């Protein structure tokens, strides 16, 4: 990082800040990056050579995406059933009194 030419310090500033932000600080027992963003940094090499942390994170994301796909399917199925029920009611195939909504009587 340090070169013979001392006039290029401004070109190395971003690298120096990255090193500082990702270095574990004993006073806070964490990195400044994790204090700001709430997560640990992923070093670029970890995305190329899959580390356990990246693999676990990717697995969690894949599981969440699968859950979202299932949720979309459930919503679509519910919407189709509702549409079918409304069509049956409007065509007189299901009397309104037979609707699945329960009426509760109140005694005063």
PDB file of N, CA and C in Angstrom:
ATOM      1  N   UNK A   1       0.815  -1.186   0.000  1.00  0.00           N
ATOM      2  CA  UNK A   1       0.000   0.000   0.000  1.00  0.00           C
ATOM      3  C   UNK A   1       0.867   1.262   0.000  1.00  0.00           C
ATOM      4  N   UNK A   2       1.909   1.248   0.759  1.00  0.00           N
ATOM      5  CA  UNK A   2       2.796   2.402   0.790  1.00  0.00           C
ATOM      6  C   UNK A   2       3.768   2.275  -0.376  1.00  0.00           C
ATOM      7  N   UNK A   3       3.899   3.346  -1.113  1.00  0.00           N
ATOM      8  CA  UNK A   3       4.795   3.329  -2.262  1.00  0.00           C
ATOM      9  C   UNK A   3       5.911   4.326  -2.039  1.00  0.00           C
ATOM     10  N   UNK A   4       6.861   4.280  -2.946  1.00  0.00           N
ATOM     11  CA  UNK A   4       7.965   5.215  -2.882  1.00  0.00           C
ATOM     12  C   UNK A   4       7.493   6.637  -3.151  1.00  0.00           C
ATOM     13  N   UNK A   5       6.485   6.759  -3.991  1.00  0.00           N
ATOM     14  CA  UNK A   5       5.954   8.064  -4.343  1.00  0.00           C
ATOM     15  C   UNK A   5       4.948   8.503  -3.287  1.00  0.00           C
ATOM     16  N   UNK A   6       5.251   9.535  -2.541  1.00  0.00           N
ATOM     17  CA  UNK A   6       4.371   9.993  -1.471  1.00  0.00           C
ATOM     18  C   UNK A   6       3.311  10.966  -1.967  1.00  0.00           C
ATOM     19  N   UNK A   7       3.250  11.178  -3.260  1.00  0.00           N
ATOM     20  CA  UNK A   7       2.285  12.125  -3.811  1.00  0.00           C
ATOM     21  C   UNK A   7       0.978  11.448  -4.227  1.00  0.00           C
ATOM     22  N   UNK A   8       0.877  10.121  -4.120  1.00  0.00           N
ATOM     23  CA  UNK A   8      -0.348   9.437  -4.526  1.00  0.00           C
ATOM     24  C   UNK A   8      -1.211   9.008  -3.333  1.00  0.00           C
ATOM     25  N   UNK A   9      -1.044   9.688  -2.191  1.00  0.00           N
ATOM     26  CA  UNK A   9      -1.791   9.312  -0.998  1.00  0.00           C
ATOM     27  C   UNK A   9      -3.303   9.422  -1.205  1.00  0.00           C
ATOM     28  N   UNK A  10      -3.739  10.388  -2.021  1.00  0.00           N
ATOM     29  CA  UNK A  10      -5.169  10.552  -2.235  1.00  0.00           C
ATOM     30  C   UNK A  10      -5.770   9.390  -3.035  1.00  0.00           C
ATOM     31  N   UNK A  11      -4.955   8.717  -3.823  1.00  0.00           N
ATOM     32  CA  UNK A  11      -5.432   7.554  -4.573  1.00  0.00           C
ATOM     33  C   UNK A  11      -5.560   6.330  -3.671  1.00  0.00           C
ATOM     34  N   UNK A  12      -4.876   6.324  -2.562  1.00  0.00           N
ATOM     35  CA  UNK A  12      -4.891   5.193  -1.628  1.00  0.00           C
ATOM     36  C   UNK A  12      -5.850   5.415  -0.456  1.00  0.00           C
ATOM     37  N   UNK A  13      -6.511   6.556  -0.405  1.00  0.00           N
ATOM     38  CA  UNK A  13      -7.369   6.897   0.720  1.00  0.00           C
ATOM     39  C   UNK A  13      -8.550   5.934   0.845  1.00  0.00           C
ATOM     40  N   UNK A  14      -9.203   5.590  -0.269  1.00  0.00           N
ATOM     41  CA  UNK A  14     -10.340   4.671  -0.232  1.00  0.00           C
ATOM     42  C   UNK A  14      -9.923   3.301   0.318  1.00  0.00           C
ATOM     43  N   UNK A  15      -8.769   2.826  -0.092  1.00  0.00           N
ATOM     44  CA  UNK A  15      -8.290   1.540   0.399  1.00  0.00           C
ATOM     45  C   UNK A  15      -8.013   1.601   1.893  1.00  0.00           C
ATOM     46  N   UNK A  16      -7.412   2.690   2.348  1.00  0.00           N
ATOM     47  CA  UNK A  16      -7.114   2.838   3.768  1.00  0.00           C
ATOM     48  C   UNK A  16      -8.405   2.911   4.590  1.00  0.00           C
ATOM     49  N   UNK A  17      -9.413   3.614   4.094  1.00  0.00           N
ATOM     50  CA  UNK A  17     -10.690   3.693   4.795  1.00  0.00           C
ATOM     51  C   UNK A  17     -11.376   2.329   4.846  1.00  0.00           C
ATOM     52  N   UNK A  18     -11.309   1.570   3.759  1.00  0.00           N
ATOM     53  CA  UNK A  18     -11.901   0.235   3.745  1.00  0.00           C
ATOM     54  C   UNK A  18     -11.238  -0.657   4.793  1.00  0.00           C
ATOM     55  N   UNK A  19      -9.917  -0.591   4.879  1.00  0.00           N
ATOM     56  CA  UNK A  19      -9.197  -1.393   5.871  1.00  0.00           C
ATOM     57  C   UNK A  19      -9.619  -0.990   7.269  1.00  0.00           C
ATOM     58  N   UNK A  20      -9.735   0.295   7.531  1.00  0.00           N
ATOM     59  CA  UNK A  20     -10.134   0.756   8.864  1.00  0.00           C
ATOM     60  C   UNK A  20     -11.559   0.311   9.192  1.00  0.00           C
ATOM     61  N   UNK A  21     -12.473   0.484   8.237  1.00  0.00           N
ATOM     62  CA  UNK A  21     -13.888   0.157   8.480  1.00  0.00           C
ATOM     63  C   UNK A  21     -14.121  -1.334   8.698  1.00  0.00           C
ATOM     64  N   UNK A  22     -13.257  -2.168   8.147  1.00  0.00           N
ATOM     65  CA  UNK A  22     -13.462  -3.615   8.252  1.00  0.00           C
ATOM     66  C   UNK A  22     -12.554  -4.282   9.277  1.00  0.00           C
ATOM     67  N   UNK A  23     -11.763  -3.505   9.992  1.00  0.00           N
ATOM     68  CA  UNK A  23     -10.865  -4.053  11.000  1.00  0.00           C
ATOM     69  C   UNK A  23     -11.566  -4.088  12.353  1.00  0.00           C
ATOM     70  N   UNK A  24     -11.446  -5.211  13.030  1.00  0.00           N
ATOM     71  CA  UNK A  24     -12.047  -5.392  14.355  1.00  0.00           C
ATOM     72  C   UNK A  24     -11.415  -4.418  15.351  1.00  0.00           C
ATOM     73  N   UNK A  25     -12.256  -3.647  16.026  1.00  0.00           N
ATOM     74  CA  UNK A  25     -11.781  -2.679  17.009  1.00  0.00           C
ATOM     75  C   UNK A  25     -11.990  -3.250  18.412  1.00  0.00           C
ATOM     76  N   UNK A  26     -10.952  -3.241  19.230  1.00  0.00           N
ATOM     77  CA  UNK A  26     -11.076  -3.820  20.561  1.00  0.00           C
ATOM     78  C   UNK A  26     -11.956  -2.966  21.476  1.00  0.00           C
ATOM     79  N   UNK A  27     -12.010  -1.676  21.258  1.00  0.00           N
ATOM     80  CA  UNK A  27     -12.816  -0.816  22.130  1.00  0.00           C
ATOM     81  C   UNK A  27     -14.307  -1.064  21.979  1.00  0.00           C
ATOM     82  N   UNK A  28     -14.760  -1.349  20.764  1.00  0.00           N
ATOM     83  CA  UNK A  28     -16.178  -1.605  20.526  1.00  0.00           C
ATOM     84  C   UNK A  28     -16.475  -3.094  20.367  1.00  0.00           C
ATOM     85  N   UNK A  29     -15.438  -3.913  20.268  1.00  0.00           N
ATOM     86  CA  UNK A  29     -15.542  -5.352  20.071  1.00  0.00           C
ATOM     87  C   UNK A  29     -16.244  -5.716  18.759  1.00  0.00           C
ATOM     88  N   UNK A  30     -16.159  -4.842  17.779  1.00  0.00           N
ATOM     89  CA  UNK A  30     -16.728  -5.091  16.455  1.00  0.00           C
ATOM     90  C   UNK A  30     -16.052  -4.172  15.446  1.00  0.00           C
ATOM     91  N   UNK A  31     -16.511  -4.223  14.209  1.00  0.00           N
ATOM     92  CA  UNK A  31     -15.947  -3.352  13.174  1.00  0.00           C
ATOM     93  C   UNK A  31     -16.816  -2.107  13.026  1.00  0.00           C
ATOM     94  N   UNK A  32     -16.237  -0.984  12.629  1.00  0.00           N
ATOM     95  CA  UNK A  32     -17.054   0.208  12.377  1.00  0.00           C
ATOM     96  C   UNK A  32     -18.120  -0.029  11.306  1.00  0.00           C
ATOM     97  N   UNK A  33     -17.823  -0.852  10.317  1.00  0.00           N
ATOM     98  CA  UNK A  33     -18.780  -1.158   9.258  1.00  0.00           C
ATOM     99  C   UNK A  33     -20.029  -1.821   9.831  1.00  0.00           C
ATOM    100  N   UNK A  34     -19.835  -2.790  10.729  1.00  0.00           N
ATOM    101  CA  UNK A  34     -20.985  -3.491  11.293  1.00  0.00           C
ATOM    102  C   UNK A  34     -21.795  -2.588  12.224  1.00  0.00           C
ATOM    103  N   UNK A  35     -21.157  -1.603  12.831  1.00  0.00           N
ATOM    104  CA  UNK A  35     -21.906  -0.654  13.656  1.00  0.00           C
ATOM    105  C   UNK A  35     -22.804   0.231  12.801  1.00  0.00           C
ATOM    106  N   UNK A  36     -22.361   0.575  11.618  1.00  0.00           N
ATOM    107  CA  UNK A  36     -23.143   1.436  10.731  1.00  0.00           C
ATOM    108  C   UNK A  36     -24.223   0.655  10.013  1.00  0.00           C
ATOM    109  N   UNK A  37     -23.872  -0.491   9.431  1.00  0.00           N
ATOM    110  CA  UNK A  37     -24.794  -1.228   8.566  1.00  0.00           C
ATOM    111  C   UNK A  37     -25.465  -2.424   9.229  1.00  0.00           C
ATOM    112  N   UNK A  38     -25.004  -2.826  10.405  1.00  0.00           N
ATOM    113  CA  UNK A  38     -25.634  -3.918  11.125  1.00  0.00           C
ATOM    114  C   UNK A  38     -25.262  -5.309  10.648  1.00  0.00           C
ATOM    115  N   UNK A  39     -24.362  -5.429   9.706  1.00  0.00           N
ATOM    116  CA  UNK A  39     -23.909  -6.731   9.209  1.00  0.00           C
ATOM    117  C   UNK A  39     -22.393  -6.699   9.047  1.00  0.00           C
ATOM    118  N   UNK A  40     -21.800  -7.885   9.008  1.00  0.00           N
ATOM    119  CA  UNK A  40     -20.369  -7.962   8.755  1.00  0.00           C
ATOM    120  C   UNK A  40     -20.102  -7.809   7.263  1.00  0.00           C
ATOM    121  N   UNK A  41     -18.937  -7.359   6.939  1.00  0.00           N
ATOM    122  CA  UNK A  41     -18.580  -7.186   5.532  1.00  0.00           C
ATOM    123  C   UNK A  41     -18.275  -8.534   4.892  1.00  0.00           C
ATOM    124  N   UNK A  42     -18.476  -8.596   3.605  1.00  0.00           N
ATOM    125  CA  UNK A  42     -18.078  -9.760   2.822  1.00  0.00           C
ATOM    126  C   UNK A  42     -16.938  -9.299   1.928  1.00  0.00           C
ATOM    127  N   UNK A  43     -15.781  -9.853   2.174  1.00  0.00           N
ATOM    128  CA  UNK A  43     -14.606  -9.498   1.396  1.00  0.00           C
ATOM    129  C   UNK A  43     -14.810 -10.040  -0.023  1.00  0.00           C
ATOM    130  N   UNK A  44     -14.456  -9.274  -1.050  1.00  0.00           N
ATOM    131  CA  UNK A  44     -14.709  -9.718  -2.429  1.00  0.00           C
ATOM    132  C   UNK A  44     -14.217 -11.115  -2.753  1.00  0.00           C
ATOM    133  N   UNK A  45     -13.128 -11.546  -2.160  1.00  0.00           N
ATOM    134  CA  UNK A  45     -12.622 -12.892  -2.447  1.00  0.00           C
ATOM    135  C   UNK A  45     -13.600 -13.950  -1.952  1.00  0.00           C
ATOM    136  N   UNK A  46     -14.407 -13.637  -0.914  1.00  0.00           N
ATOM    137  CA  UNK A  46     -15.372 -14.600  -0.392  1.00  0.00           C
ATOM    138  C   UNK A  46     -16.498 -14.889  -1.386  1.00  0.00           C
ATOM    139  N   UNK A  47     -16.751 -13.979  -2.295  1.00  0.00           N
ATOM    140  CA  UNK A  47     -17.786 -14.230  -3.293  1.00  0.00           C
ATOM    141  C   UNK A  47     -17.264 -15.097  -4.427  1.00  0.00           C
ATOM    142  N   UNK A  48     -15.970 -15.086  -4.637  1.00  0.00           N
ATOM    143  CA  UNK A  48     -15.373 -15.906  -5.689  1.00  0.00           C
ATOM    144  C   UNK A  48     -15.068 -17.314  -5.175  1.00  0.00           C
ATOM    145  N   UNK A  49     -14.448 -17.400  -4.017  1.00  0.00           N
ATOM    146  CA  UNK A  49     -14.190 -18.674  -3.362  1.00  0.00           C
ATOM    147  C   UNK A  49     -15.193 -18.741  -2.229  1.00  0.00           C
ATOM    148  N   UNK A  50     -16.224 -19.536  -2.407  1.00  0.00           N
ATOM    149  CA  UNK A  50     -17.357 -19.511  -1.486  1.00  0.00           C
ATOM    150  C   UNK A  50     -16.924 -19.912  -0.085  1.00  0.00           C
ATOM    151  N   UNK A  51     -17.168 -19.011   0.852  1.00  0.00           N
ATOM    152  CA  UNK A  51     -16.880 -19.301   2.251  1.00  0.00           C
ATOM    153  C   UNK A  51     -18.151 -19.838   2.900  1.00  0.00           C
ATOM    154  N   UNK A  52     -18.012 -20.371   4.080  1.00  0.00           N
ATOM    155  CA  UNK A  52     -19.165 -20.919   4.791  1.00  0.00           C
ATOM    156  C   UNK A  52     -20.192 -19.831   5.055  1.00  0.00           C
ATOM    157  N   UNK A  53     -19.741 -18.648   5.431  1.00  0.00           N
ATOM    158  CA  UNK A  53     -20.653 -17.546   5.737  1.00  0.00           C
ATOM    159  C   UNK A  53     -21.475 -17.157   4.511  1.00  0.00           C
ATOM    160  N   UNK A  54     -20.840 -17.065   3.356  1.00  0.00           N
ATOM    161  CA  UNK A  54     -21.547 -16.708   2.130  1.00  0.00           C
ATOM    162  C   UNK A  54     -22.491 -17.834   1.725  1.00  0.00           C
ATOM    163  N   UNK A  55     -22.069 -19.071   1.869  1.00  0.00           N
ATOM    164  CA  UNK A  55     -22.910 -20.210   1.506  1.00  0.00           C
ATOM    165  C   UNK A  55     -24.153 -20.265   2.383  1.00  0.00           C
ATOM    166  N   UNK A  56     -24.001 -20.043   3.671  1.00  0.00           N
ATOM    167  CA  UNK A  56     -25.149 -20.044   4.582  1.00  0.00           C
ATOM    168  C   UNK A  56     -26.088 -18.904   4.236  1.00  0.00           C
ATOM    169  N   UNK A  57     -25.542 -17.728   3.984  1.00  0.00           N
ATOM    170  CA  UNK A  57     -26.366 -16.570   3.631  1.00  0.00           C
ATOM    171  C   UNK A  57     -27.120 -16.830   2.329  1.00  0.00           C
ATOM    172  N   UNK A  58     -26.455 -17.402   1.345  1.00  0.00           N
ATOM    173  CA  UNK A  58     -27.088 -17.701   0.061  1.00  0.00           C
ATOM    174  C   UNK A  58     -28.198 -18.730   0.244  1.00  0.00           C
ATOM    175  N   UNK A  59     -27.971 -19.700   1.119  1.00  0.00           N
ATOM    176  CA  UNK A  59     -28.987 -20.719   1.393  1.00  0.00           C
ATOM    177  C   UNK A  59     -30.217 -20.093   2.028  1.00  0.00           C
ATOM    178  N   UNK A  60     -30.017 -19.147   2.931  1.00  0.00           N
ATOM    179  CA  UNK A  60     -31.137 -18.456   3.572  1.00  0.00           C
ATOM    180  C   UNK A  60     -31.918 -17.662   2.534  1.00  0.00           C
ATOM    181  N   UNK A  61     -31.228 -16.992   1.645  1.00  0.00           N
ATOM    182  CA  UNK A  61     -31.901 -16.211   0.602  1.00  0.00           C
ATOM    183  C   UNK A  61     -32.697 -17.136  -0.305  1.00  0.00           C
ATOM    184  N   UNK A  62     -32.125 -18.282  -0.691  1.00  0.00           N
ATOM    185  CA  UNK A  62     -32.832 -19.233  -1.540  1.00  0.00           C
ATOM    186  C   UNK A  62     -34.098 -19.742  -0.860  1.00  0.00           C
ATOM    187  N   UNK A  63     -34.010 -20.032   0.453  1.00  0.00           N
ATOM    188  CA  UNK A  63     -35.180 -20.494   1.195  1.00  0.00           C
ATOM    189  C   UNK A  63     -36.262 -19.419   1.243  1.00  0.00           C
ATOM    190  N   UNK A  64     -35.850 -18.164   1.447  1.00  0.00           N
ATOM    191  CA  UNK A  64     -36.816 -17.076   1.493  1.00  0.00           C
ATOM    192  C   UNK A  64     -37.499 -16.889   0.141  1.00  0.00           C
ATOM    193  N   UNK A  65     -36.746 -17.028  -0.944  1.00  0.00           N
ATOM    194  CA  UNK A  65     -37.342 -16.908  -2.275  1.00  0.00           C
ATOM    195  C   UNK A  65     -38.333 -18.038  -2.544  1.00  0.00           C
ATOM    196  N   UNK A  66     -38.025 -19.244  -2.083  1.00  0.00           N
ATOM    197  CA  UNK A  66     -38.954 -20.358  -2.240  1.00  0.00           C
ATOM    198  C   UNK A  66     -40.242 -20.085  -1.473  1.00  0.00           C
ATOM    199  N   UNK A  67     -40.106 -19.533  -0.242  1.00  0.00           N
ATOM    200  CA  UNK A  67     -41.289 -19.205   0.556  1.00  0.00           C
ATOM    201  C   UNK A  67     -42.133 -18.142  -0.138  1.00  0.00           C
ATOM    202  N   UNK A  68     -41.489 -17.167  -0.758  1.00  0.00           N
ATOM    203  CA  UNK A  68     -42.231 -16.134  -1.473  1.00  0.00           C
ATOM    204  C   UNK A  68     -42.964 -16.720  -2.678  1.00  0.00           C
ATOM    205  N   UNK A  69     -42.333 -17.656  -3.385  1.00  0.00           N
ATOM    206  CA  UNK A  69     -42.998 -18.323  -4.508  1.00  0.00           C
ATOM    207  C   UNK A  69     -44.221 -19.093  -4.030  1.00  0.00           C
ATOM    208  N   UNK A  70     -44.078 -19.803  -2.905  1.00  0.00           N
ATOM    209  CA  UNK A  70     -45.211 -20.547  -2.357  1.00  0.00           C
ATOM    210  C   UNK A  70     -46.327 -19.608  -1.924  1.00  0.00           C
ATOM    211  N   UNK A  71     -45.950 -18.472  -1.362  1.00  0.00           N
ATOM    212  CA  UNK A  71     -46.945 -17.490  -0.949  1.00  0.00           C
ATOM    213  C   UNK A  71     -47.712 -16.957  -2.149  1.00  0.00           C
ATOM    214  N   UNK A  72     -47.024 -16.690  -3.246  1.00  0.00           N
ATOM    215  CA  UNK A  72     -47.698 -16.237  -4.467  1.00  0.00           C
ATOM    216  C   UNK A  72     -48.672 -17.288  -4.971  1.00  0.00           C
ATOM    217  N   UNK A  73     -48.266 -18.561  -4.914  1.00  0.00           N
ATOM    218  CA  UNK A  73     -49.149 -19.640  -5.349  1.00  0.00           C
ATOM    219  C   UNK A  73     -50.382 -19.721  -4.461  1.00  0.00           C
ATOM    220  N   UNK A  74     -50.193 -19.587  -3.147  1.00  0.00           N
ATOM    221  CA  UNK A  74     -51.326 -19.631  -2.221  1.00  0.00           C
ATOM    222  C   UNK A  74     -52.287 -18.470  -2.487  1.00  0.00           C
ATOM    223  N   UNK A  75     -51.744 -17.291  -2.722  1.00  0.00           N
ATOM    224  CA  UNK A  75     -52.591 -16.128  -3.006  1.00  0.00           C
ATOM    225  C   UNK A  75     -53.371 -16.325  -4.302  1.00  0.00           C
ATOM    226  N   UNK A  76     -52.717 -16.854  -5.313  1.00  0.00           N
ATOM    227  CA  UNK A  76     -53.391 -17.101  -6.588  1.00  0.00           C
ATOM    228  C   UNK A  76     -54.504 -18.129  -6.427  1.00  0.00           C
ATOM    229  N   UNK A  77     -54.236 -19.205  -5.699  1.00  0.00           N
ATOM    230  CA  UNK A  77     -55.252 -20.223  -5.454  1.00  0.00           C
ATOM    231  C   UNK A  77     -56.432 -19.642  -4.691  1.00  0.00           C
ATOM    232  N   UNK A  78     -56.156 -18.846  -3.661  1.00  0.00           N
ATOM    233  CA  UNK A  78     -57.231 -18.229  -2.882  1.00  0.00           C
ATOM    234  C   UNK A  78     -58.052 -17.277  -3.746  1.00  0.00           C
ATOM    235  N   UNK A  79     -57.406 -16.526  -4.589  1.00  0.00           N
ATOM    236  CA  UNK A  79     -58.104 -15.603  -5.474  1.00  0.00           C
ATOM    237  C   UNK A  79     -58.999 -16.362  -6.454  1.00  0.00           C
ATOM    238  N   UNK A  80     -58.504 -17.474  -6.994  1.00  0.00           N
ATOM    239  CA  UNK A  80     -59.295 -18.282  -7.917  1.00  0.00           C
ATOM    240  C   UNK A  80     -60.501 -18.901  -7.217  1.00  0.00           C
ATOM    241  N   UNK A  81     -60.317 -19.392  -5.990  1.00  0.00           N
ATOM    242  CA  UNK A  81     -61.435 -19.971  -5.242  1.00  0.00           C
ATOM    243  C   UNK A  81     -62.476 -18.913  -4.915  1.00  0.00           C
ATOM    244  N   UNK A  82     -62.029 -17.726  -4.541  1.00  0.00           N
ATOM    245  CA  UNK A  82     -62.953 -16.640  -4.244  1.00  0.00           C
ATOM    246  C   UNK A  82     -63.740 -16.261  -5.481  1.00  0.00           C
ATOM    247  N   UNK A  83     -63.077 -16.162  -6.611  1.00  0.00           N
ATOM    248  CA  UNK A  83     -63.755 -15.817  -7.863  1.00  0.00           C
ATOM    249  C   UNK A  83     -64.771 -16.889  -8.232  1.00  0.00           C
ATOM    250  N   UNK A  84     -64.394 -18.143  -8.069  1.00  0.00           N
ATOM    251  CA  UNK A  84     -65.308 -19.248  -8.361  1.00  0.00           C
ATOM    252  C   UNK A  84     -66.527 -19.201  -7.441  1.00  0.00           C
ATOM    253  N   UNK A  85     -66.304 -18.958  -6.168  1.00  0.00           N
ATOM    254  CA  UNK A  85     -67.407 -18.876  -5.204  1.00  0.00           C
ATOM    255  C   UNK A  85     -68.330 -17.716  -5.552  1.00  0.00           C
ATOM    256  N   UNK A  86     -67.760 -16.553  -5.864  1.00  0.00           N
ATOM    257  CA  UNK A  86     -68.584 -15.401  -6.218  1.00  0.00           C
ATOM    258  C   UNK A  86     -69.388 -15.665  -7.483  1.00  0.00           C
ATOM    259  N   UNK A  87     -68.819 -16.355  -8.454  1.00  0.00           N
ATOM    260  CA  UNK A  87     -69.550 -16.710  -9.675  1.00  0.00           C
ATOM    261  C   UNK A  87     -70.709 -17.650  -9.354  1.00  0.00           C
ATOM    262  N   UNK A  88     -70.453 -18.629  -8.468  1.00  0.00           N
ATOM    263  CA  UNK A  88     -71.504 -19.563  -8.085  1.00  0.00           C
ATOM    264  C   UNK A  88     -72.638 -18.856  -7.350  1.00  0.00           C
ATOM    265  N   UNK A  89     -72.322 -17.917  -6.485  1.00  0.00           N
ATOM    266  CA  UNK A  89     -73.346 -17.165  -5.757  1.00  0.00           C
ATOM    267  C   UNK A  89     -74.138 -16.294  -6.725  1.00  0.00           C
ATOM    268  N   UNK A  90     -73.456 -15.616  -7.630  1.00  0.00           N
ATOM    269  CA  UNK A  90     -74.156 -14.729  -8.563  1.00  0.00           C
ATOM    270  C   UNK A  90     -75.017 -15.503  -9.556  1.00  0.00           C
ATOM    271  N   UNK A  91     -74.658 -16.746  -9.852  1.00  0.00           N
ATOM    272  CA  UNK A  91     -75.455 -17.591 -10.750  1.00  0.00           C
ATOM    273  C   UNK A  91     -76.580 -18.308 -10.021  1.00  0.00           C
ATOM    274  N   UNK A  92     -76.670 -18.149  -8.716  1.00  0.00           N
ATOM    275  CA  UNK A  92     -77.714 -18.780  -7.926  1.00  0.00           C
ATOM    276  C   UNK A  92     -77.428 -20.225  -7.596  1.00  0.00           C
ATOM    277  N   UNK A  93     -76.236 -20.698  -7.847  1.00  0.00           N
ATOM    278  CA  UNK A  93     -75.896 -22.088  -7.557  1.00  0.00           C
ATOM    279  C   UNK A  93     -75.716 -22.318  -6.070  1.00  0.00           C
ATOM    280  N   UNK A  94     -75.308 -21.310  -5.337  1.00  0.00           N
ATOM    281  CA  UNK A  94     -75.139 -21.412  -3.891  1.00  0.00           C
ATOM    282  C   UNK A  94     -76.017 -20.335  -3.261  1.00  0.00           C
ATOM    283  N   UNK A  95     -77.024 -20.733  -2.486  1.00  0.00           N
ATOM    284  CA  UNK A  95     -77.826 -19.710  -1.819  1.00  0.00           C
ATOM    285  C   UNK A  95     -76.974 -18.942  -0.821  1.00  0.00           C
ATOM    286  N   UNK A  96     -77.279 -17.695  -0.664  1.00  0.00           N
ATOM    287  CA  UNK A  96     -76.497 -16.846   0.237  1.00  0.00           C
ATOM    288  C   UNK A  96     -76.579 -17.360   1.661  1.00  0.00           C
ATOM    289  N   UNK A  97     -77.692 -18.003   2.026  1.00  0.00           N
ATOM    290  CA  UNK A  97     -77.820 -18.530   3.390  1.00  0.00           C
ATOM    291  C   UNK A  97     -76.852 -19.665   3.661  1.00  0.00           C
ATOM    292  N   UNK A  98     -76.386 -20.326   2.593  1.00  0.00           N
ATOM    293  CA  UNK A  98     -75.426 -21.413   2.755  1.00  0.00           C
ATOM    294  C   UNK A  98     -73.981 -20.930   2.730  1.00  0.00           C
ATOM    295  N   UNK A  99     -73.803 -19.638   2.811  1.00  0.00           N
ATOM    296  CA  UNK A  99     -72.447 -19.114   2.730  1.00  0.00           C
ATOM    297  C   UNK A  99     -71.639 -19.578   3.936  1.00  0.00           C
ATOM    298  N   UNK A 100     -70.364 -19.723   3.794  1.00  0.00           N
ATOM    299  CA  UNK A 100     -69.535 -20.224   4.887  1.00  0.00           C
ATOM    300  C   UNK A 100     -69.353 -19.224   6.025  1.00  0.00           C
ATOM    301  N   UNK A 101     -69.842 -18.022   5.849  1.00  0.00           N
ATOM    302  CA  UNK A 101     -69.712 -17.032   6.915  1.00  0.00           C
ATOM    303  C   UNK A 101     -70.790 -17.306   7.944  1.00  0.00           C
ATOM    304  N   UNK A 102     -70.404 -17.464   9.167  1.00  0.00           N
ATOM    305  CA  UNK A 102     -71.349 -17.809  10.230  1.00  0.00           C
ATOM    306  C   UNK A 102     -72.007 -16.551  10.771  1.00  0.00           C
ATOM    307  N   UNK A 103     -73.313 -16.643  10.995  1.00  0.00           N
ATOM    308  CA  UNK A 103     -74.040 -15.559  11.626  1.00  0.00           C
ATOM    309  C   UNK A 103     -74.098 -15.841  13.127  1.00  0.00           C
ATOM    310  N   UNK A 104     -73.847 -14.854  13.904  1.00  0.00           N
ATOM    311  CA  UNK A 104     -73.873 -15.014  15.357  1.00  0.00           C
ATOM    312  C   UNK A 104     -75.059 -14.233  15.894  1.00  0.00           C
ATOM    313  N   UNK A 105     -75.917 -14.920  16.627  1.00  0.00           N
ATOM    314  CA  UNK A 105     -77.057 -14.255  17.219  1.00  0.00           C
ATOM    315  C   UNK A 105     -76.638 -13.678  18.564  1.00  0.00           C
ATOM    316  N   UNK A 106     -77.133 -12.501  18.841  1.00  0.00           N
ATOM    317  CA  UNK A 106     -76.839 -11.866  20.122  1.00  0.00           C
ATOM    318  C   UNK A 106     -78.151 -11.750  20.907  1.00  0.00           C
ATOM    319  N   UNK A 107     -78.093 -12.155  22.114  1.00  0.00           N
ATOM    320  CA  UNK A 107     -79.254 -11.959  22.975  1.00  0.00           C
ATOM    321  C   UNK A 107     -78.964 -10.794  23.894  1.00  0.00           C
ATOM    322  N   UNK A 108     -79.937  -9.945  24.004  1.00  0.00           N
ATOM    323  CA  UNK A 108     -79.726  -8.740  24.834  1.00  0.00           C
ATOM    324  C   UNK A 108     -80.485  -8.855  26.102  1.00  0.00           C
TER     325      UNK A 108
END
